[in-house]
C-alpha atoms as a PDB file:
ATOM      1  CA  MET A   1      -0.270  11.745   9.623  1.00  0.00           C
ATOM      2  CA  GLY A   2       0.087   9.140   6.914  1.00  0.00           C
ATOM      3  CA  ILE A   3       0.657   5.427   6.449  1.00  0.00           C
ATOM      4  CA  PRO A   4       3.918   4.605   4.644  1.00  0.00           C
ATOM      5  CA  SER A   5       3.166   3.672   1.034  1.00  0.00           C
ATOM      6  CA  GLN A   6       4.507   0.102   1.299  1.00  0.00           C
ATOM      7  CA  ILE A   7       2.288  -0.778   4.287  1.00  0.00           C
ATOM      8  CA  ILE A   8      -1.282  -2.084   4.178  1.00  0.00           C
ATOM      9  CA  VAL A   9      -3.030  -1.660   7.525  1.00  0.00           C
ATOM     10  CA  ASN A  10      -6.084  -3.894   7.337  1.00  0.00           C
ATOM     11  CA  ALA A  11      -8.955  -3.665   9.798  1.00  0.00           C
ATOM     12  CA  ASP A  12     -10.542  -7.084  10.087  1.00  0.00           C
ATOM     13  CA  ASP A  13     -14.192  -7.640  10.998  1.00  0.00           C
ATOM     14  CA  ILE A  14     -16.200  -4.811   9.476  1.00  0.00           C
ATOM     15  CA  GLY A  15     -19.718  -6.249   9.456  1.00  0.00           C
ATOM     16  CA  LEU A  16     -19.347  -7.858  12.879  1.00  0.00           C
ATOM     17  CA  LYS A  17     -21.422  -5.357  14.863  1.00  0.00           C
ATOM     18  CA  THR A  18     -22.194  -1.642  15.193  1.00  0.00           C
ATOM     19  CA  SER A  19     -19.305  -0.671  17.467  1.00  0.00           C
ATOM     20  CA  VAL A  20     -16.775  -2.365  15.173  1.00  0.00           C
ATOM     21  CA  ASN A  21     -18.293  -0.786  12.064  1.00  0.00           C
ATOM     22  CA  GLN A  22     -18.156   2.670  13.613  1.00  0.00           C
ATOM     23  CA  ALA A  23     -14.613   2.174  14.891  1.00  0.00           C
ATOM     24  CA  ILE A  24     -13.381   1.100  11.465  1.00  0.00           C
ATOM     25  CA  LEU A  25     -15.037   4.113   9.814  1.00  0.00           C
ATOM     26  CA  TYR A  26     -13.394   6.357  12.423  1.00  0.00           C
ATOM     27  CA  CYS A  27      -9.974   4.805  11.754  1.00  0.00           C
ATOM     28  CA  TYR A  28     -10.345   5.409   8.031  1.00  0.00           C
ATOM     29  CA  GLU A  29     -11.349   9.022   8.645  1.00  0.00           C
ATOM     30  CA  GLN A  30      -8.319   9.570  10.878  1.00  0.00           C
ATOM     31  CA  GLY A  31      -5.929   7.924   8.419  1.00  0.00           C
ATOM     32  CA  TYR A  32      -5.013   5.049  10.751  1.00  0.00           C
ATOM     33  CA  ILE A  33      -5.954   2.287   8.284  1.00  0.00           C
ATOM     34  CA  ASN A  34      -6.150   1.918   4.505  1.00  0.00           C
ATOM     35  CA  SER A  35      -7.868  -1.456   4.062  1.00  0.00           C
ATOM     36  CA  THR A  36     -10.606  -3.568   5.600  1.00  0.00           C
ATOM     37  CA  SER A  37     -12.100  -7.081   5.410  1.00  0.00           C
ATOM     38  CA  LEU A  38     -15.850  -7.640   5.501  1.00  0.00           C
ATOM     39  CA  LEU A  39     -17.726 -10.356   7.374  1.00  0.00           C
ATOM     40  CA  THR A  40     -20.717 -11.159   5.186  1.00  0.00           C
ATOM     41  CA  ASN A  41     -22.527 -13.611   7.495  1.00  0.00           C
ATOM     42  CA  MET A  42     -22.805 -11.516  10.669  1.00  0.00           C
ATOM     43  CA  ASP A  43     -25.480  -9.202  12.084  1.00  0.00           C
ATOM     44  CA  GLY A  44     -23.592  -6.006  11.252  1.00  0.00           C
ATOM     45  CA  PHE A  45     -23.359  -6.738   7.522  1.00  0.00           C
ATOM     46  CA  ASP A  46     -26.214  -4.544   6.257  1.00  0.00           C
ATOM     47  CA  GLU A  47     -25.068  -1.621   8.383  1.00  0.00           C
ATOM     48  CA  ALA A  48     -21.510  -2.075   7.081  1.00  0.00           C
ATOM     49  CA  ILE A  49     -22.757  -1.979   3.486  1.00  0.00           C
ATOM     50  CA  ASP A  50     -24.545   1.309   4.154  1.00  0.00           C
ATOM     51  CA  LEU A  51     -21.433   2.781   5.764  1.00  0.00           C
ATOM     52  CA  ILE A  52     -19.250   1.739   2.847  1.00  0.00           C
ATOM     53  CA  HIS A  53     -21.605   3.195   0.231  1.00  0.00           C
ATOM     54  CA  ASN A  54     -22.060   6.440   2.153  1.00  0.00           C
ATOM     55  CA  ASN A  55     -18.409   6.954   3.091  1.00  0.00           C
ATOM     56  CA  PRO A  56     -16.001   6.808   0.121  1.00  0.00           C
ATOM     57  CA  VAL A  57     -13.079   6.916   2.541  1.00  0.00           C
ATOM     58  CA  ILE A  58     -13.737   3.196   3.151  1.00  0.00           C
ATOM     59  CA  LYS A  59     -11.813   1.539   0.332  1.00  0.00           C
ATOM     60  CA  ASN A  60      -9.574  -1.429  -0.494  1.00  0.00           C
ATOM     61  CA  ILE A  61     -12.222  -3.871   0.705  1.00  0.00           C
ATOM     62  CA  GLY A  62     -11.815  -7.622   1.026  1.00  0.00           C
ATOM     63  CA  VAL A  63     -13.982 -10.488   2.224  1.00  0.00           C
ATOM     64  CA  HIS A  64     -13.209 -11.955   5.638  1.00  0.00           C
ATOM     65  CA  VAL A  65     -14.469 -15.492   5.046  1.00  0.00           C
ATOM     66  CA  ASN A  66     -15.943 -16.868   8.241  1.00  0.00           C
ATOM     67  CA  PHE A  67     -16.167 -20.538   9.233  1.00  0.00           C
ATOM     68  CA  SER A  68     -15.962 -19.916  12.971  1.00  0.00           C
ATOM     69  CA  GLU A  69     -18.724 -17.550  14.054  1.00  0.00           C
ATOM     70  CA  GLY A  70     -22.348 -16.949  13.093  1.00  0.00           C
ATOM     71  CA  ARG A  71     -24.218 -19.134  10.630  1.00  0.00           C
ATOM     72  CA  PRO A  72     -23.153 -20.291   7.142  1.00  0.00           C
ATOM     73  CA  LEU A  73     -24.849 -18.751   4.121  1.00  0.00           C
ATOM     74  CA  THR A  74     -25.228 -22.123   2.415  1.00  0.00           C
ATOM     75  CA  ASP A  75     -26.742 -25.400   3.574  1.00  0.00           C
ATOM     76  CA  PHE A  76     -24.500 -27.175   6.098  1.00  0.00           C
ATOM     77  CA  SER A  77     -27.426 -28.810   7.926  1.00  0.00           C
ATOM     78  CA  LYS A  78     -26.256 -32.342   7.163  1.00  0.00           C
ATOM     79  CA  SER A  79     -22.606 -31.661   7.949  1.00  0.00           C
ATOM     80  CA  GLN A  80     -20.598 -32.077  11.146  1.00  0.00           C
ATOM     81  CA  PHE A  81     -19.357 -28.479  11.276  1.00  0.00           C
ATOM     82  CA  LEU A  82     -22.237 -26.767  13.086  1.00  0.00           C
ATOM     83  CA  ASP A  83     -23.371 -26.793  16.693  1.00  0.00           C
ATOM     84  CA  ASP A  84     -26.873 -27.851  17.760  1.00  0.00           C
ATOM     85  CA  ASP A  85     -28.239 -24.364  17.046  1.00  0.00           C
ATOM     86  CA  GLY A  86     -26.919 -24.186  13.502  1.00  0.00           C
ATOM     87  CA  TYR A  87     -23.924 -21.949  14.190  1.00  0.00           C
ATOM     88  CA  TRP A  88     -20.362 -22.652  13.118  1.00  0.00           C
ATOM     89  CA  ASP A  89     -18.522 -24.842  15.606  1.00  0.00           C
ATOM     90  CA  PRO A  90     -14.924 -23.494  15.677  1.00  0.00           C
ATOM     91  CA  GLY A  91     -13.803 -26.585  17.552  1.00  0.00           C
ATOM     92  CA  LYS A  92     -14.568 -28.548  14.384  1.00  0.00           C
ATOM     93  CA  THR A  93     -13.654 -26.088  11.631  1.00  0.00           C
ATOM     94  CA  GLY A  94     -10.469 -24.984  13.372  1.00  0.00           C
ATOM     95  CA  LYS A  95      -8.699 -28.316  13.801  1.00  0.00           C
ATOM     96  CA  LEU A  96      -5.168 -27.930  12.505  1.00  0.00           C
ATOM     97  CA  ILE A  97      -4.856 -31.509  11.235  1.00  0.00           C
ATOM     98  CA  GLN A  98      -8.310 -31.863   9.746  1.00  0.00           C
ATOM     99  CA  PHE A  99      -8.590 -32.759   6.057  1.00  0.00           C
ATOM    100  CA  LEU A 100     -11.725 -32.814   3.926  1.00  0.00           C
ATOM    101  CA  ASN A 101     -13.160 -35.454   1.638  1.00  0.00           C
ATOM    102  CA  HIS A 102     -14.561 -34.563  -1.783  1.00  0.00           C
ATOM    103  CA  ASP A 103     -18.014 -33.690  -0.465  1.00  0.00           C
ATOM    104  CA  GLY A 104     -16.560 -31.572   2.330  1.00  0.00           C
ATOM    105  CA  LYS A 105     -14.419 -29.599  -0.106  1.00  0.00           C
ATOM    106  CA  ALA A 106     -17.466 -28.971  -2.288  1.00  0.00           C
ATOM    107  CA  LEU A 107     -19.428 -27.682   0.719  1.00  0.00           C
ATOM    108  CA  PHE A 108     -16.753 -25.226   1.758  1.00  0.00           C
ATOM    109  CA  LEU A 109     -16.032 -24.066  -1.792  1.00  0.00           C
ATOM    110  CA  LYS A 110     -19.699 -23.229  -2.170  1.00  0.00           C
ATOM    111  CA  GLU A 111     -19.677 -21.340   1.133  1.00  0.00           C
ATOM    112  CA  ILE A 112     -16.532 -19.341   0.295  1.00  0.00           C
ATOM    113  CA  ASN A 113     -18.089 -18.281  -2.992  1.00  0.00           C
ATOM    114  CA  ALA A 114     -21.420 -17.465  -1.349  1.00  0.00           C
ATOM    115  CA  GLN A 115     -19.741 -15.177   1.181  1.00  0.00           C
ATOM    116  CA  ILE A 116     -17.850 -13.392  -1.590  1.00  0.00           C
ATOM    117  CA  ASP A 117     -20.952 -13.161  -3.769  1.00  0.00           C
ATOM    118  CA  ARG A 118     -22.946 -11.553  -0.979  1.00  0.00           C
ATOM    119  CA  ALA A 119     -20.437  -8.711  -0.881  1.00  0.00           C
ATOM    120  CA  ILE A 120     -20.315  -8.368  -4.663  1.00  0.00           C
ATOM    121  CA  SER A 121     -24.109  -8.409  -4.942  1.00  0.00           C
ATOM    122  CA  SER A 122     -24.112  -5.407  -2.602  1.00  0.00           C
ATOM    123  CA  ALA A 123     -22.244  -3.438  -5.281  1.00  0.00           C
ATOM    124  CA  LEU A 124     -18.820  -3.648  -3.643  1.00  0.00           C
ATOM    125  CA  ASP A 125     -15.551  -3.826  -5.535  1.00  0.00           C
ATOM    126  CA  ILE A 126     -13.788  -6.673  -3.723  1.00  0.00           C
ATOM    127  CA  VAL A 127     -10.011  -6.793  -4.135  1.00  0.00           C
ATOM    128  CA  HIS A 128      -8.690  -9.247  -1.572  1.00  0.00           C
ATOM    129  CA  LEU A 129      -9.534 -12.326   0.463  1.00  0.00           C
ATOM    130  CA  ASP A 130      -8.681 -13.516   3.969  1.00  0.00           C
ATOM    131  CA  SER A 131     -10.444 -15.316   6.800  1.00  0.00           C
ATOM    132  CA  HIS A 132     -11.671 -15.039  10.362  1.00  0.00           C
ATOM    133  CA  LEU A 133      -9.132 -16.626  12.739  1.00  0.00           C
ATOM    134  CA  HIS A 134      -6.798 -17.339   9.780  1.00  0.00           C
ATOM    135  CA  LEU A 135      -8.659 -20.540   8.920  1.00  0.00           C
ATOM    136  CA  HIS A 136      -7.696 -20.123   5.254  1.00  0.00           C
ATOM    137  CA  THR A 137      -4.155 -21.209   6.191  1.00  0.00           C
ATOM    138  CA  LEU A 138      -5.195 -24.557   7.667  1.00  0.00           C
ATOM    139  CA  PRO A 139      -4.449 -27.827   5.834  1.00  0.00           C
ATOM    140  CA  ALA A 140      -8.146 -28.389   5.153  1.00  0.00           C
ATOM    141  CA  PHE A 141      -8.715 -25.019   3.521  1.00  0.00           C
ATOM    142  CA  TYR A 142      -5.675 -23.335   1.996  1.00  0.00           C
ATOM    143  CA  LYS A 143      -5.964 -24.996  -1.432  1.00  0.00           C
ATOM    144  CA  LEU A 144      -9.646 -24.046  -1.623  1.00  0.00           C
ATOM    145  CA  PHE A 145      -8.814 -20.394  -0.960  1.00  0.00           C
ATOM    146  CA  ILE A 146      -5.993 -20.413  -3.496  1.00  0.00           C
ATOM    147  CA  GLU A 147      -8.378 -21.882  -6.077  1.00  0.00           C
ATOM    148  CA  VAL A 148     -11.068 -19.274  -5.423  1.00  0.00           C
ATOM    149  CA  ALA A 149      -8.619 -16.369  -5.312  1.00  0.00           C
ATOM    150  CA  ARG A 150      -7.092 -17.395  -8.639  1.00  0.00           C
ATOM    151  CA  GLN A 151     -10.481 -17.857 -10.299  1.00  0.00           C
ATOM    152  CA  ARG A 152     -11.763 -14.503  -9.067  1.00  0.00           C
ATOM    153  CA  LYS A 153      -8.469 -12.626  -9.492  1.00  0.00           C
ATOM    154  CA  LEU A 154      -8.340 -11.657  -5.824  1.00  0.00           C
ATOM    155  CA  LYS A 155      -5.282 -11.169  -3.656  1.00  0.00           C
ATOM    156  CA  LEU A 156      -4.982 -13.618  -0.748  1.00  0.00           C
ATOM    157  CA  ARG A 157      -3.552 -12.841   2.676  1.00  0.00           C
ATOM    158  CA  LEU A 158      -0.379 -14.678   3.590  1.00  0.00           C
ATOM    159  CA  ALA A 159       0.029 -16.752   6.704  1.00  0.00           C
ATOM    160  CA  GLN A 160       1.896 -14.869   9.414  1.00  0.00           C
ATOM    161  CA  THR A 161       5.521 -14.484   8.334  1.00  0.00           C
ATOM    162  CA  TYR A 162       7.265 -14.368  11.715  1.00  0.00           C
ATOM    163  CA  ASN A 163       8.306 -17.035  14.205  1.00  0.00           C
ATOM    164  CA  GLU A 164       6.058 -17.288  17.270  1.00  0.00           C
ATOM    165  CA  ASN A 165       8.621 -19.485  19.067  1.00  0.00           C
ATOM    166  CA  SER A 166       7.323 -22.538  17.228  1.00  0.00           C
ATOM    167  CA  TYR A 167       9.467 -23.750  14.342  1.00  0.00           C
ATOM    168  CA  LEU A 168       6.776 -26.231  13.321  1.00  0.00           C
ATOM    169  CA  LYS A 169       4.245 -23.434  12.788  1.00  0.00           C
ATOM    170  CA  PHE A 170       6.877 -21.174  11.232  1.00  0.00           C
ATOM    171  CA  TYR A 171       7.967 -23.649   8.567  1.00  0.00           C
ATOM    172  CA  TYR A 172       4.398 -24.762   7.894  1.00  0.00           C
ATOM    173  CA  ARG A 173       3.446 -21.129   7.285  1.00  0.00           C
ATOM    174  CA  LYS A 174       6.451 -20.663   5.016  1.00  0.00           C
ATOM    175  CA  TYR A 175       5.188 -23.616   2.979  1.00  0.00           C
ATOM    176  CA  ILE A 176       1.683 -22.119   2.732  1.00  0.00           C
ATOM    177  CA  ASN A 177       3.138 -18.780   1.697  1.00  0.00           C
ATOM    178  CA  ARG A 178       5.250 -20.377  -0.998  1.00  0.00           C
ATOM    179  CA  GLU A 179       2.061 -21.918  -2.405  1.00  0.00           C
ATOM    180  CA  ILE A 180       0.242 -18.567  -2.347  1.00  0.00           C
ATOM    181  CA  LYS A 181       3.173 -16.753  -3.950  1.00  0.00           C
ATOM    182  CA  ALA A 182       3.621 -19.465  -6.576  1.00  0.00           C
ATOM    183  CA  ALA A 183       0.002 -18.854  -7.585  1.00  0.00           C
ATOM    184  CA  GLY A 184       0.796 -15.154  -8.027  1.00  0.00           C
ATOM    185  CA  ILE A 185      -1.951 -14.026  -5.666  1.00  0.00           C
ATOM    186  CA  ASN A 186      -0.028 -12.816  -2.602  1.00  0.00           C
ATOM    187  CA  TYR A 187      -1.140  -9.402  -1.361  1.00  0.00           C
ATOM    188  CA  THR A 188       2.182  -8.465   0.234  1.00  0.00           C
ATOM    189  CA  ALA A 189       5.625  -9.923   0.960  1.00  0.00           C
ATOM    190  CA  LEU A 190       5.090  -9.998   4.726  1.00  0.00           C
ATOM    191  CA  PHE A 191       2.139 -10.308   7.103  1.00  0.00           C
ATOM    192  CA  GLU A 192       2.676  -9.213  10.701  1.00  0.00           C
ATOM    193  CA  THR A 193       0.937  -8.076  13.845  1.00  0.00           C
ATOM    194  CA  VAL A 194       1.423  -4.501  14.974  1.00  0.00           C
ATOM    195  CA  ASP A 195       3.734  -5.577  17.788  1.00  0.00           C
ATOM    196  CA  GLU A 196       5.853  -7.733  15.482  1.00  0.00           C
ATOM    197  CA  PHE A 197       6.205  -4.876  13.036  1.00  0.00           C
ATOM    198  CA  LEU A 198       7.087  -2.368  15.747  1.00  0.00           C
ATOM    199  CA  ASN A 199       9.572  -4.716  17.407  1.00  0.00           C
ATOM    200  CA  ASN A 200      11.442  -5.090  14.123  1.00  0.00           C
ATOM    201  CA  LYS A 201      10.930  -1.740  12.452  1.00  0.00           C
ATOM    202  CA  GLY A 202      14.537  -0.743  12.990  1.00  0.00           C
ATOM    203  CA  THR A 203      15.974  -3.775  11.216  1.00  0.00           C
ATOM    204  CA  SER A 204      13.088  -5.327   9.246  1.00  0.00           C
ATOM    205  CA  GLN A 205      12.917  -5.236   5.475  1.00  0.00           C
ATOM    206  CA  ILE A 206      10.784  -2.123   5.426  1.00  0.00           C
ATOM    207  CA  ASP A 207      11.250  -1.791   1.661  1.00  0.00           C
ATOM    208  CA  LYS A 208       9.013  -4.839   1.190  1.00  0.00           C
ATOM    209  CA  ALA A 209       5.246  -4.619   1.132  1.00  0.00           C
ATOM    210  CA  VAL A 210       3.849  -5.459   4.566  1.00  0.00           C
ATOM    211  CA  GLU A 211       0.290  -6.173   5.706  1.00  0.00           C
ATOM    212  CA  ILE A 212      -0.477  -5.340   9.320  1.00  0.00           C
ATOM    213  CA  MET A 213      -3.673  -6.579  10.943  1.00  0.00           C
ATOM    214  CA  VAL A 214      -5.775  -4.620  13.442  1.00  0.00           C
ATOM    215  CA  HIS A 215      -9.266  -5.079  14.914  1.00  0.00           C
ATOM    216  CA  PRO A 216     -10.695  -1.651  15.850  1.00  0.00           C
ATOM    217  CA  ASP A 217     -13.657  -1.408  18.202  1.00  0.00           C
ATOM    218  CA  PHE A 218     -15.210   1.102  20.596  1.00  0.00           C
ATOM    219  CA  ASP A 219     -15.763   0.093  24.214  1.00  0.00           C
ATOM    220  CA  GLY A 220     -18.834   1.068  26.250  1.00  0.00           C
ATOM    221  CA  GLN A 221     -17.335   4.486  26.969  1.00  0.00           C
ATOM    222  CA  GLY A 222     -16.558   5.184  23.323  1.00  0.00           C
ATOM    223  CA  LYS A 223     -12.824   4.560  23.677  1.00  0.00           C
ATOM    224  CA  LEU A 224     -10.997   3.017  20.748  1.00  0.00           C
ATOM    225  CA  PHE A 225      -9.319  -0.339  21.372  1.00  0.00           C
ATOM    226  CA  ASP A 226      -8.405  -3.525  19.518  1.00  0.00           C
ATOM    227  CA  HIS A 227     -10.907  -6.275  20.309  1.00  0.00           C
ATOM    228  CA  VAL A 228      -8.400  -9.067  19.599  1.00  0.00           C
ATOM    229  CA  ASP A 229      -5.095  -7.582  20.799  1.00  0.00           C
ATOM    230  CA  THR A 230      -6.214  -4.876  23.223  1.00  0.00           C
ATOM    231  CA  THR A 231      -3.440  -2.351  22.611  1.00  0.00           C
ATOM    232  CA  ALA A 232      -2.600  -3.061  18.952  1.00  0.00           C
ATOM    233  CA  ILE A 233      -4.550  -0.259  17.267  1.00  0.00           C
ATOM    234  CA  ASN A 234      -3.371   2.311  19.787  1.00  0.00           C
ATOM    235  CA  ASN A 235       0.232   1.156  19.452  1.00  0.00           C
ATOM    236  CA  TRP A 236      -0.103   1.612  15.710  1.00  0.00           C
ATOM    237  CA  ILE A 237      -1.536   5.107  16.135  1.00  0.00           C
ATOM    238  CA  SER A 238       1.405   5.965  18.399  1.00  0.00           C
ATOM    239  CA  TYR A 239       3.799   4.726  15.721  1.00  0.00           C
ATOM    240  CA  LEU A 240       2.155   6.944  13.117  1.00  0.00           C
ATOM    241  CA  GLY A 241       2.527   9.884  15.469  1.00  0.00           C
ATOM    242  CA  GLU A 242       6.223   9.126  15.962  1.00  0.00           C
ATOM    243  CA  THR A 243       6.675   8.846  12.221  1.00  0.00           C
ATOM    244  CA  VAL A 244       5.124  12.236  11.621  1.00  0.00           C
ATOM    245  CA  LYS A 245       7.201  13.812  14.376  1.00  0.00           C
ATOM    246  CA  ILE A 246      10.439  12.436  12.907  1.00  0.00           C
ATOM    247  CA  ALA A 247       9.453  13.348   9.382  1.00  0.00           C
ATOM    248  CA  GLY A 248       8.532  16.890  10.398  1.00  0.00           C
END
């Protein structure tokens, strides 16, 4: 069983919690994934670092910058972006039409760099950058991420490259992707969900580099599932099985 060479299968959310960390390690060991993105501000971070250092199979690591869950690593106490308990408020950071003033941009730039630096200070070789809930593609943030990725020579995840039955979103994402590609920091040519890839695998431009996103986790009974799109990781595993069967 093997992932086609032009496909990056990235497991988001290593560092979230124990079950996710263990599921991502398992998927690496089984050859289901070949990339992951680390949450550096969540409770499972230290455990994830230990797993990465003790399991060389975990490679191609990026930072999954997080403005929507947990607490920031830098001081946002005087900002409007946290709830009353000091946690990120996704209702405020996730507004599609929100723009930032100069001070706001400085705050978030500092936080992006702090989250990356926490991974690097743990002796990780970071190669790419993306974000929890795709917030790096929002109007308020995309230029900040492009700036950081260029400065640090990191690859940046594209916005989703398919039409979700909304031409407004589709053309906005095309604009964002043009900006990322113009900066020379795009990771792949396409970024798709498992289902989108599988729906189009017969006619899609499979010769182009594609990133596919999964979110492995173990449920209470130890069964592997995708904690964002319940069947995605298992659909991907089925596809790999079909590929091997055809190839053999």
